[in-house]
Amino acid sequence: MIVRILGEGQFDVDERYRDQLGKLDAALMEAVDRGDERAFGPALLALASEVRSVGTALADDAFVPSELVVPFADATLAETSALLTDSSTADEG
């Protein structure tokens, strides 16, 4: 599966890590949904770190659809919430 970390690039991640990344993504989304700043930073760091650890970076000029998009490393909760709102609004149109 392909995972994009915004501002960093895309990673090819073996399917065997799908569940683990799903759990980390769910923790991140829960922090965003609750507006929990204290949980947000560690959740974002855990997800991005896991992607980097288990994934293989794709070439900078490669672009394939991503199944999971991770906010950029220094994103704030407000920025991430806005990105998610923009993304869901775009999906509706």
PDB file of N, CA and C in Angstrom:
ATOM      1  N   MET A   1       0.850  -1.170   0.000  1.00  0.00           N
ATOM      2  CA  MET A   1       0.000   0.000   0.000  1.00  0.00           C
ATOM      3  C   MET A   1       0.893   1.229   0.000  1.00  0.00           C
ATOM      4  N   ILE A   2       0.398   2.297  -0.589  1.00  0.00           N
ATOM      5  CA  ILE A   2       1.169   3.528  -0.679  1.00  0.00           C
ATOM      6  C   ILE A   2       0.657   4.521   0.365  1.00  0.00           C
ATOM      7  N   VAL A   3       1.591   5.079   1.125  1.00  0.00           N
ATOM      8  CA  VAL A   3       1.273   6.056   2.160  1.00  0.00           C
ATOM      9  C   VAL A   3       2.047   7.332   1.848  1.00  0.00           C
ATOM     10  N   ARG A   4       1.356   8.463   1.898  1.00  0.00           N
ATOM     11  CA  ARG A   4       2.003   9.758   1.691  1.00  0.00           C
ATOM     12  C   ARG A   4       2.090  10.490   3.019  1.00  0.00           C
ATOM     13  N   ILE A   5       3.281  10.963   3.328  1.00  0.00           N
ATOM     14  CA  ILE A   5       3.463  11.899   4.437  1.00  0.00           C
ATOM     15  C   ILE A   5       3.597  13.260   3.770  1.00  0.00           C
ATOM     16  N   LEU A   6       2.640  14.140   4.020  1.00  0.00           N
ATOM     17  CA  LEU A   6       2.640  15.448   3.369  1.00  0.00           C
ATOM     18  C   LEU A   6       3.950  16.181   3.634  1.00  0.00           C
ATOM     19  N   GLY A   7       4.486  16.768   2.591  1.00  0.00           N
ATOM     20  CA  GLY A   7       5.733  17.512   2.703  1.00  0.00           C
ATOM     21  C   GLY A   7       6.978  16.656   2.726  1.00  0.00           C
ATOM     22  N   GLU A   8       6.793  15.347   2.692  1.00  0.00           N
ATOM     23  CA  GLU A   8       7.938  14.442   2.793  1.00  0.00           C
ATOM     24  C   GLU A   8       8.027  13.483   1.612  1.00  0.00           C
ATOM     25  N   GLY A   9       6.921  12.886   1.227  1.00  0.00           N
ATOM     26  CA  GLY A   9       6.941  11.968   0.100  1.00  0.00           C
ATOM     27  C   GLY A   9       6.064  10.760   0.332  1.00  0.00           C
ATOM     28  N   GLN A  10       6.201   9.812  -0.588  1.00  0.00           N
ATOM     29  CA  GLN A  10       5.399   8.592  -0.534  1.00  0.00           C
ATOM     30  C   GLN A  10       6.261   7.402  -0.128  1.00  0.00           C
ATOM     31  N   PHE A  11       5.596   6.449   0.519  1.00  0.00           N
ATOM     32  CA  PHE A  11       6.266   5.246   0.994  1.00  0.00           C
ATOM     33  C   PHE A  11       5.459   4.036   0.564  1.00  0.00           C
ATOM     34  N   ASP A  12       6.165   3.007   0.131  1.00  0.00           N
ATOM     35  CA  ASP A  12       5.537   1.729  -0.186  1.00  0.00           C
ATOM     36  C   ASP A  12       5.615   0.886   1.082  1.00  0.00           C
ATOM     37  N   VAL A  13       4.449   0.532   1.614  1.00  0.00           N
ATOM     38  CA  VAL A  13       4.371  -0.208   2.867  1.00  0.00           C
ATOM     39  C   VAL A  13       3.723  -1.560   2.600  1.00  0.00           C
ATOM     40  N   ASP A  14       4.361  -2.602   3.063  1.00  0.00           N
ATOM     41  CA  ASP A  14       3.837  -3.957   2.892  1.00  0.00           C
ATOM     42  C   ASP A  14       2.473  -4.071   3.568  1.00  0.00           C
ATOM     43  N   GLU A  15       1.592  -4.820   2.956  1.00  0.00           N
ATOM     44  CA  GLU A  15       0.220  -5.003   3.450  1.00  0.00           C
ATOM     45  C   GLU A  15       0.168  -5.556   4.875  1.00  0.00           C
ATOM     46  N   ARG A  16       1.192  -6.276   5.289  1.00  0.00           N
ATOM     47  CA  ARG A  16       1.162  -6.871   6.631  1.00  0.00           C
ATOM     48  C   ARG A  16       1.152  -5.807   7.731  1.00  0.00           C
ATOM     49  N   TYR A  17       1.471  -4.555   7.373  1.00  0.00           N
ATOM     50  CA  TYR A  17       1.464  -3.464   8.349  1.00  0.00           C
ATOM     51  C   TYR A  17       0.165  -2.665   8.324  1.00  0.00           C
ATOM     52  N   ARG A  18      -0.775  -3.049   7.481  1.00  0.00           N
ATOM     53  CA  ARG A  18      -2.031  -2.301   7.320  1.00  0.00           C
ATOM     54  C   ARG A  18      -2.770  -2.138   8.654  1.00  0.00           C
ATOM     55  N   ASP A  19      -2.932  -3.222   9.406  1.00  0.00           N
ATOM     56  CA  ASP A  19      -3.669  -3.144  10.668  1.00  0.00           C
ATOM     57  C   ASP A  19      -2.976  -2.223  11.667  1.00  0.00           C
ATOM     58  N   GLN A  20      -1.665  -2.346  11.772  1.00  0.00           N
ATOM     59  CA  GLN A  20      -0.912  -1.500  12.705  1.00  0.00           C
ATOM     60  C   GLN A  20      -1.055  -0.030  12.326  1.00  0.00           C
ATOM     61  N   LEU A  21      -0.907   0.281  11.050  1.00  0.00           N
ATOM     62  CA  LEU A  21      -1.059   1.673  10.617  1.00  0.00           C
ATOM     63  C   LEU A  21      -2.496   2.142  10.817  1.00  0.00           C
ATOM     64  N   GLY A  22      -3.448   1.252  10.608  1.00  0.00           N
ATOM     65  CA  GLY A  22      -4.851   1.590  10.835  1.00  0.00           C
ATOM     66  C   GLY A  22      -5.114   1.971  12.284  1.00  0.00           C
ATOM     67  N   LYS A  23      -4.514   1.253  13.213  1.00  0.00           N
ATOM     68  CA  LYS A  23      -4.681   1.559  14.639  1.00  0.00           C
ATOM     69  C   LYS A  23      -4.051   2.902  14.983  1.00  0.00           C
ATOM     70  N   LEU A  24      -2.869   3.164  14.428  1.00  0.00           N
ATOM     71  CA  LEU A  24      -2.207   4.443  14.688  1.00  0.00           C
ATOM     72  C   LEU A  24      -2.987   5.600  14.062  1.00  0.00           C
ATOM     73  N   ASP A  25      -3.517   5.374  12.870  1.00  0.00           N
ATOM     74  CA  ASP A  25      -4.333   6.391  12.210  1.00  0.00           C
ATOM     75  C   ASP A  25      -5.606   6.647  13.010  1.00  0.00           C
ATOM     76  N   ALA A  26      -6.213   5.595  13.528  1.00  0.00           N
ATOM     77  CA  ALA A  26      -7.435   5.751  14.331  1.00  0.00           C
ATOM     78  C   ALA A  26      -7.155   6.568  15.595  1.00  0.00           C
ATOM     79  N   ALA A  27      -6.002   6.349  16.226  1.00  0.00           N
ATOM     80  CA  ALA A  27      -5.631   7.117  17.411  1.00  0.00           C
ATOM     81  C   ALA A  27      -5.449   8.595  17.054  1.00  0.00           C
ATOM     82  N   LEU A  28      -4.844   8.848  15.894  1.00  0.00           N
ATOM     83  CA  LEU A  28      -4.667  10.220  15.435  1.00  0.00           C
ATOM     84  C   LEU A  28      -6.028  10.871  15.173  1.00  0.00           C
ATOM     85  N   MET A  29      -6.900  10.168  14.479  1.00  0.00           N
ATOM     86  CA  MET A  29      -8.219  10.702  14.161  1.00  0.00           C
ATOM     87  C   MET A  29      -9.034  10.948  15.431  1.00  0.00           C
ATOM     88  N   GLU A  30      -8.895  10.071  16.406  1.00  0.00           N
ATOM     89  CA  GLU A  30      -9.602  10.252  17.672  1.00  0.00           C
ATOM     90  C   GLU A  30      -9.134  11.530  18.365  1.00  0.00           C
ATOM     91  N   ALA A  31      -7.831  11.767  18.358  1.00  0.00           N
ATOM     92  CA  ALA A  31      -7.294  12.992  18.963  1.00  0.00           C
ATOM     93  C   ALA A  31      -7.824  14.227  18.234  1.00  0.00           C
ATOM     94  N   VAL A  32      -7.874  14.162  16.909  1.00  0.00           N
ATOM     95  CA  VAL A  32      -8.393  15.290  16.124  1.00  0.00           C
ATOM     96  C   VAL A  32      -9.874  15.497  16.435  1.00  0.00           C
ATOM     97  N   ASP A  33     -10.645  14.429  16.415  1.00  0.00           N
ATOM     98  CA  ASP A  33     -12.087  14.522  16.670  1.00  0.00           C
ATOM     99  C   ASP A  33     -12.396  15.097  18.052  1.00  0.00           C
ATOM    100  N   ARG A  34     -11.579  14.744  19.045  1.00  0.00           N
ATOM    101  CA  ARG A  34     -11.785  15.236  20.413  1.00  0.00           C
ATOM    102  C   ARG A  34     -11.181  16.626  20.624  1.00  0.00           C
ATOM    103  N   GLY A  35     -10.342  17.069  19.665  1.00  0.00           N
ATOM    104  CA  GLY A  35      -9.637  18.333  19.854  1.00  0.00           C
ATOM    105  C   GLY A  35      -8.589  18.227  20.946  1.00  0.00           C
ATOM    106  N   ASP A  36      -8.002  17.045  21.084  1.00  0.00           N
ATOM    107  CA  ASP A  36      -7.068  16.738  22.162  1.00  0.00           C
ATOM    108  C   ASP A  36      -5.629  17.023  21.731  1.00  0.00           C
ATOM    109  N   GLU A  37      -5.170  18.231  22.031  1.00  0.00           N
ATOM    110  CA  GLU A  37      -3.807  18.645  21.669  1.00  0.00           C
ATOM    111  C   GLU A  37      -2.748  17.744  22.290  1.00  0.00           C
ATOM    112  N   ARG A  38      -2.966  17.307  23.523  1.00  0.00           N
ATOM    113  CA  ARG A  38      -1.963  16.496  24.223  1.00  0.00           C
ATOM    114  C   ARG A  38      -1.782  15.131  23.573  1.00  0.00           C
ATOM    115  N   ALA A  39      -2.837  14.560  23.023  1.00  0.00           N
ATOM    116  CA  ALA A  39      -2.749  13.252  22.374  1.00  0.00           C
ATOM    117  C   ALA A  39      -2.357  13.380  20.907  1.00  0.00           C
ATOM    118  N   PHE A  40      -2.658  14.527  20.299  1.00  0.00           N
ATOM    119  CA  PHE A  40      -2.432  14.704  18.870  1.00  0.00           C
ATOM    120  C   PHE A  40      -0.956  14.572  18.487  1.00  0.00           C
ATOM    121  N   GLY A  41      -0.074  15.307  19.131  1.00  0.00           N
ATOM    122  CA  GLY A  41       1.349  15.293  18.779  1.00  0.00           C
ATOM    123  C   GLY A  41       1.968  13.904  18.824  1.00  0.00           C
ATOM    124  N   PRO A  42       1.812  13.202  19.951  1.00  0.00           N
ATOM    125  CA  PRO A  42       2.363  11.851  20.021  1.00  0.00           C
ATOM    126  C   PRO A  42       1.739  10.891  19.008  1.00  0.00           C
ATOM    127  N   ALA A  43       0.440  11.056  18.731  1.00  0.00           N
ATOM    128  CA  ALA A  43      -0.222  10.170  17.759  1.00  0.00           C
ATOM    129  C   ALA A  43       0.317  10.415  16.350  1.00  0.00           C
ATOM    130  N   LEU A  44       0.507  11.681  15.992  1.00  0.00           N
ATOM    131  CA  LEU A  44       1.062  12.015  14.676  1.00  0.00           C
ATOM    132  C   LEU A  44       2.486  11.493  14.558  1.00  0.00           C
ATOM    133  N   LEU A  45       3.278  11.707  15.584  1.00  0.00           N
ATOM    134  CA  LEU A  45       4.659  11.225  15.581  1.00  0.00           C
ATOM    135  C   LEU A  45       4.712   9.705  15.453  1.00  0.00           C
ATOM    136  N   ALA A  46       3.862   8.997  16.177  1.00  0.00           N
ATOM    137  CA  ALA A  46       3.850   7.532  16.126  1.00  0.00           C
ATOM    138  C   ALA A  46       3.495   7.033  14.732  1.00  0.00           C
ATOM    139  N   LEU A  47       2.474   7.629  14.110  1.00  0.00           N
ATOM    140  CA  LEU A  47       2.052   7.197  12.782  1.00  0.00           C
ATOM    141  C   LEU A  47       3.143   7.476  11.744  1.00  0.00           C
ATOM    142  N   ALA A  48       3.668   8.693  11.726  1.00  0.00           N
ATOM    143  CA  ALA A  48       4.696   9.037  10.747  1.00  0.00           C
ATOM    144  C   ALA A  48       5.957   8.190  10.949  1.00  0.00           C
ATOM    145  N   SER A  49       6.335   7.980  12.184  1.00  0.00           N
ATOM    146  CA  SER A  49       7.531   7.173  12.478  1.00  0.00           C
ATOM    147  C   SER A  49       7.360   5.737  12.004  1.00  0.00           C
ATOM    148  N   GLU A  50       6.172   5.183  12.225  1.00  0.00           N
ATOM    149  CA  GLU A  50       5.918   3.800  11.800  1.00  0.00           C
ATOM    150  C   GLU A  50       5.977   3.692  10.280  1.00  0.00           C
ATOM    151  N   VAL A  51       5.399   4.664   9.583  1.00  0.00           N
ATOM    152  CA  VAL A  51       5.442   4.643   8.112  1.00  0.00           C
ATOM    153  C   VAL A  51       6.888   4.670   7.640  1.00  0.00           C
ATOM    154  N   ARG A  52       7.686   5.560   8.210  1.00  0.00           N
ATOM    155  CA  ARG A  52       9.097   5.655   7.820  1.00  0.00           C
ATOM    156  C   ARG A  52       9.846   4.366   8.141  1.00  0.00           C
ATOM    157  N   SER A  53       9.504   3.756   9.270  1.00  0.00           N
ATOM    158  CA  SER A  53      10.206   2.563   9.730  1.00  0.00           C
ATOM    159  C   SER A  53       9.914   1.335   8.870  1.00  0.00           C
ATOM    160  N   VAL A  54       8.658   1.129   8.513  1.00  0.00           N
ATOM    161  CA  VAL A  54       8.290  -0.092   7.804  1.00  0.00           C
ATOM    162  C   VAL A  54       8.158   0.104   6.300  1.00  0.00           C
ATOM    163  N   GLY A  55       8.146   1.362   5.848  1.00  0.00           N
ATOM    164  CA  GLY A  55       7.967   1.642   4.432  1.00  0.00           C
ATOM    165  C   GLY A  55       9.275   1.888   3.712  1.00  0.00           C
ATOM    166  N   THR A  56       9.196   1.820   2.408  1.00  0.00           N
ATOM    167  CA  THR A  56      10.325   2.147   1.540  1.00  0.00           C
ATOM    168  C   THR A  56       9.963   3.404   0.771  1.00  0.00           C
ATOM    169  N   ALA A  57      10.795   4.423   0.891  1.00  0.00           N
ATOM    170  CA  ALA A  57      10.518   5.694   0.221  1.00  0.00           C
ATOM    171  C   ALA A  57      10.508   5.504  -1.290  1.00  0.00           C
ATOM    172  N   LEU A  58       9.509   6.088  -1.936  1.00  0.00           N
ATOM    173  CA  LEU A  58       9.455   6.084  -3.396  1.00  0.00           C
ATOM    174  C   LEU A  58      10.283   7.257  -3.923  1.00  0.00           C
ATOM    175  N   ALA A  59      10.707   7.157  -5.160  1.00  0.00           N
ATOM    176  CA  ALA A  59      11.468   8.234  -5.782  1.00  0.00           C
ATOM    177  C   ALA A  59      10.635   9.515  -5.769  1.00  0.00           C
ATOM    178  N   ASP A  60      11.307  10.649  -5.650  1.00  0.00           N
ATOM    179  CA  ASP A  60      10.610  11.934  -5.602  1.00  0.00           C
ATOM    180  C   ASP A  60       9.749  12.189  -6.824  1.00  0.00           C
ATOM    181  N   ASP A  61      10.152  11.645  -7.974  1.00  0.00           N
ATOM    182  CA  ASP A  61       9.389  11.901  -9.196  1.00  0.00           C
ATOM    183  C   ASP A  61       8.286  10.867  -9.426  1.00  0.00           C
ATOM    184  N   ALA A  62       8.181   9.897  -8.520  1.00  0.00           N
ATOM    185  CA  ALA A  62       7.114   8.887  -8.625  1.00  0.00           C
ATOM    186  C   ALA A  62       5.860   9.439  -7.972  1.00  0.00           C
ATOM    187  N   PHE A  63       4.736   9.248  -8.614  1.00  0.00           N
ATOM    188  CA  PHE A  63       3.480   9.644  -7.997  1.00  0.00           C
ATOM    189  C   PHE A  63       2.433   8.602  -8.311  1.00  0.00           C
ATOM    190  N   VAL A  64       1.973   7.952  -7.265  1.00  0.00           N
ATOM    191  CA  VAL A  64       0.894   6.966  -7.390  1.00  0.00           C
ATOM    192  C   VAL A  64      -0.152   7.309  -6.331  1.00  0.00           C
ATOM    193  N   PRO A  65      -1.393   6.932  -6.559  1.00  0.00           N
ATOM    194  CA  PRO A  65      -2.432   7.236  -5.568  1.00  0.00           C
ATOM    195  C   PRO A  65      -2.077   6.658  -4.197  1.00  0.00           C
ATOM    196  N   SER A  66      -2.304   7.445  -3.174  1.00  0.00           N
ATOM    197  CA  SER A  66      -2.011   7.023  -1.808  1.00  0.00           C
ATOM    198  C   SER A  66      -3.270   6.511  -1.134  1.00  0.00           C
ATOM    199  N   GLU A  67      -3.118   5.419  -0.401  1.00  0.00           N
ATOM    200  CA  GLU A  67      -4.237   4.868   0.356  1.00  0.00           C
ATOM    201  C   GLU A  67      -4.385   5.529   1.715  1.00  0.00           C
ATOM    202  N   LEU A  68      -3.293   6.084   2.212  1.00  0.00           N
ATOM    203  CA  LEU A  68      -3.307   6.765   3.499  1.00  0.00           C
ATOM    204  C   LEU A  68      -2.458   8.017   3.349  1.00  0.00           C
ATOM    205  N   VAL A  69      -2.962   9.138   3.849  1.00  0.00           N
ATOM    206  CA  VAL A  69      -2.215  10.394   3.832  1.00  0.00           C
ATOM    207  C   VAL A  69      -2.022  10.827   5.277  1.00  0.00           C
ATOM    208  N   VAL A  70      -0.759  11.073   5.627  1.00  0.00           N
ATOM    209  CA  VAL A  70      -0.388  11.479   6.975  1.00  0.00           C
ATOM    210  C   VAL A  70      -0.053  12.968   6.932  1.00  0.00           C
ATOM    211  N   PRO A  71      -0.564  13.745   7.884  1.00  0.00           N
ATOM    212  CA  PRO A  71      -0.233  15.175   7.909  1.00  0.00           C
ATOM    213  C   PRO A  71       1.274  15.395   7.994  1.00  0.00           C
ATOM    214  N   PHE A  72       1.720  16.580   7.571  1.00  0.00           N
ATOM    215  CA  PHE A  72       3.142  16.882   7.642  1.00  0.00           C
ATOM    216  C   PHE A  72       3.596  16.864   9.089  1.00  0.00           C
ATOM    217  N   ALA A  73       4.876  16.601   9.284  1.00  0.00           N
ATOM    218  CA  ALA A  73       5.429  16.289  10.601  1.00  0.00           C
ATOM    219  C   ALA A  73       5.151  17.345  11.667  1.00  0.00           C
ATOM    220  N   ASP A  74       5.165  18.612  11.297  1.00  0.00           N
ATOM    221  CA  ASP A  74       4.946  19.648  12.309  1.00  0.00           C
ATOM    222  C   ASP A  74       3.552  20.265  12.223  1.00  0.00           C
ATOM    223  N   ALA A  75       2.613  19.512  11.679  1.00  0.00           N
ATOM    224  CA  ALA A  75       1.234  19.991  11.581  1.00  0.00           C
ATOM    225  C   ALA A  75       0.638  20.179  12.973  1.00  0.00           C
ATOM    226  N   THR A  76      -0.208  21.177  13.076  1.00  0.00           N
ATOM    227  CA  THR A  76      -0.935  21.376  14.325  1.00  0.00           C
ATOM    228  C   THR A  76      -2.277  20.655  14.239  1.00  0.00           C
ATOM    229  N   LEU A  77      -2.915  20.528  15.367  1.00  0.00           N
ATOM    230  CA  LEU A  77      -4.231  19.910  15.382  1.00  0.00           C
ATOM    231  C   LEU A  77      -5.203  20.736  14.533  1.00  0.00           C
ATOM    232  N   ALA A  78      -5.140  22.047  14.639  1.00  0.00           N
ATOM    233  CA  ALA A  78      -6.033  22.913  13.864  1.00  0.00           C
ATOM    234  C   ALA A  78      -5.798  22.751  12.364  1.00  0.00           C
ATOM    235  N   GLU A  79      -4.535  22.696  11.950  1.00  0.00           N
ATOM    236  CA  GLU A  79      -4.223  22.510  10.528  1.00  0.00           C
ATOM    237  C   GLU A  79      -4.723  21.159  10.030  1.00  0.00           C
ATOM    238  N   THR A  80      -4.528  20.139  10.840  1.00  0.00           N
ATOM    239  CA  THR A  80      -4.969  18.801  10.454  1.00  0.00           C
ATOM    240  C   THR A  80      -6.489  18.742  10.363  1.00  0.00           C
ATOM    241  N   SER A  81      -7.155  19.338  11.318  1.00  0.00           N
ATOM    242  CA  SER A  81      -8.615  19.378  11.288  1.00  0.00           C
ATOM    243  C   SER A  81      -9.108  20.099  10.042  1.00  0.00           C
ATOM    244  N   ALA A  82      -8.452  21.209   9.686  1.00  0.00           N
ATOM    245  CA  ALA A  82      -8.830  21.951   8.481  1.00  0.00           C
ATOM    246  C   ALA A  82      -8.587  21.119   7.224  1.00  0.00           C
ATOM    247  N   LEU A  83      -7.475  20.402   7.181  1.00  0.00           N
ATOM    248  CA  LEU A  83      -7.187  19.536   6.035  1.00  0.00           C
ATOM    249  C   LEU A  83      -8.265  18.464   5.888  1.00  0.00           C
ATOM    250  N   LEU A  84      -8.664  17.888   6.998  1.00  0.00           N
ATOM    251  CA  LEU A  84      -9.686  16.845   6.952  1.00  0.00           C
ATOM    252  C   LEU A  84     -11.036  17.417   6.521  1.00  0.00           C
ATOM    253  N   THR A  85     -11.352  18.608   6.975  1.00  0.00           N
ATOM    254  CA  THR A  85     -12.597  19.254   6.584  1.00  0.00           C
ATOM    255  C   THR A  85     -12.582  19.561   5.091  1.00  0.00           C
ATOM    256  N   ASP A  86     -11.459  20.097   4.596  1.00  0.00           N
ATOM    257  CA  ASP A  86     -11.324  20.390   3.161  1.00  0.00           C
ATOM    258  C   ASP A  86     -11.425  19.118   2.347  1.00  0.00           C
ATOM    259  N   SER A  87     -10.799  18.049   2.826  1.00  0.00           N
ATOM    260  CA  SER A  87     -10.800  16.772   2.115  1.00  0.00           C
ATOM    261  C   SER A  87     -12.201  16.179   2.048  1.00  0.00           C
ATOM    262  N   SER A  88     -12.929  16.217   3.150  1.00  0.00           N
ATOM    263  CA  SER A  88     -14.272  15.628   3.150  1.00  0.00           C
ATOM    264  C   SER A  88     -15.231  16.471   2.321  1.00  0.00           C
ATOM    265  N   THR A  89     -15.028  17.783   2.304  1.00  0.00           N
ATOM    266  CA  THR A  89     -15.857  18.655   1.481  1.00  0.00           C
ATOM    267  C   THR A  89     -15.594  18.386   0.015  1.00  0.00           C
ATOM    268  N   ALA A  90     -14.327  18.170  -0.358  1.00  0.00           N
ATOM    269  CA  ALA A  90     -13.965  17.877  -1.752  1.00  0.00           C
ATOM    270  C   ALA A  90     -14.567  16.555  -2.179  1.00  0.00           C
ATOM    271  N   ASP A  91     -14.628  15.585  -1.261  1.00  0.00           N
ATOM    272  CA  ASP A  91     -15.197  14.277  -1.581  1.00  0.00           C
ATOM    273  C   ASP A  91     -16.691  14.365  -1.891  1.00  0.00           C
ATOM    274  N   GLU A  92     -17.366  15.347  -1.277  1.00  0.00           N
ATOM    275  CA  GLU A  92     -18.802  15.490  -1.470  1.00  0.00           C
ATOM    276  C   GLU A  92     -19.157  16.091  -2.829  1.00  0.00           C
ATOM    277  N   GLY A  93     -18.219  16.864  -3.387  1.00  0.00           N
ATOM    278  CA  GLY A  93     -18.505  17.591  -4.617  1.00  0.00           C
ATOM    279  C   GLY A  93     -18.256  16.826  -5.824  1.00  0.00           C
TER     280      GLY A  93
END
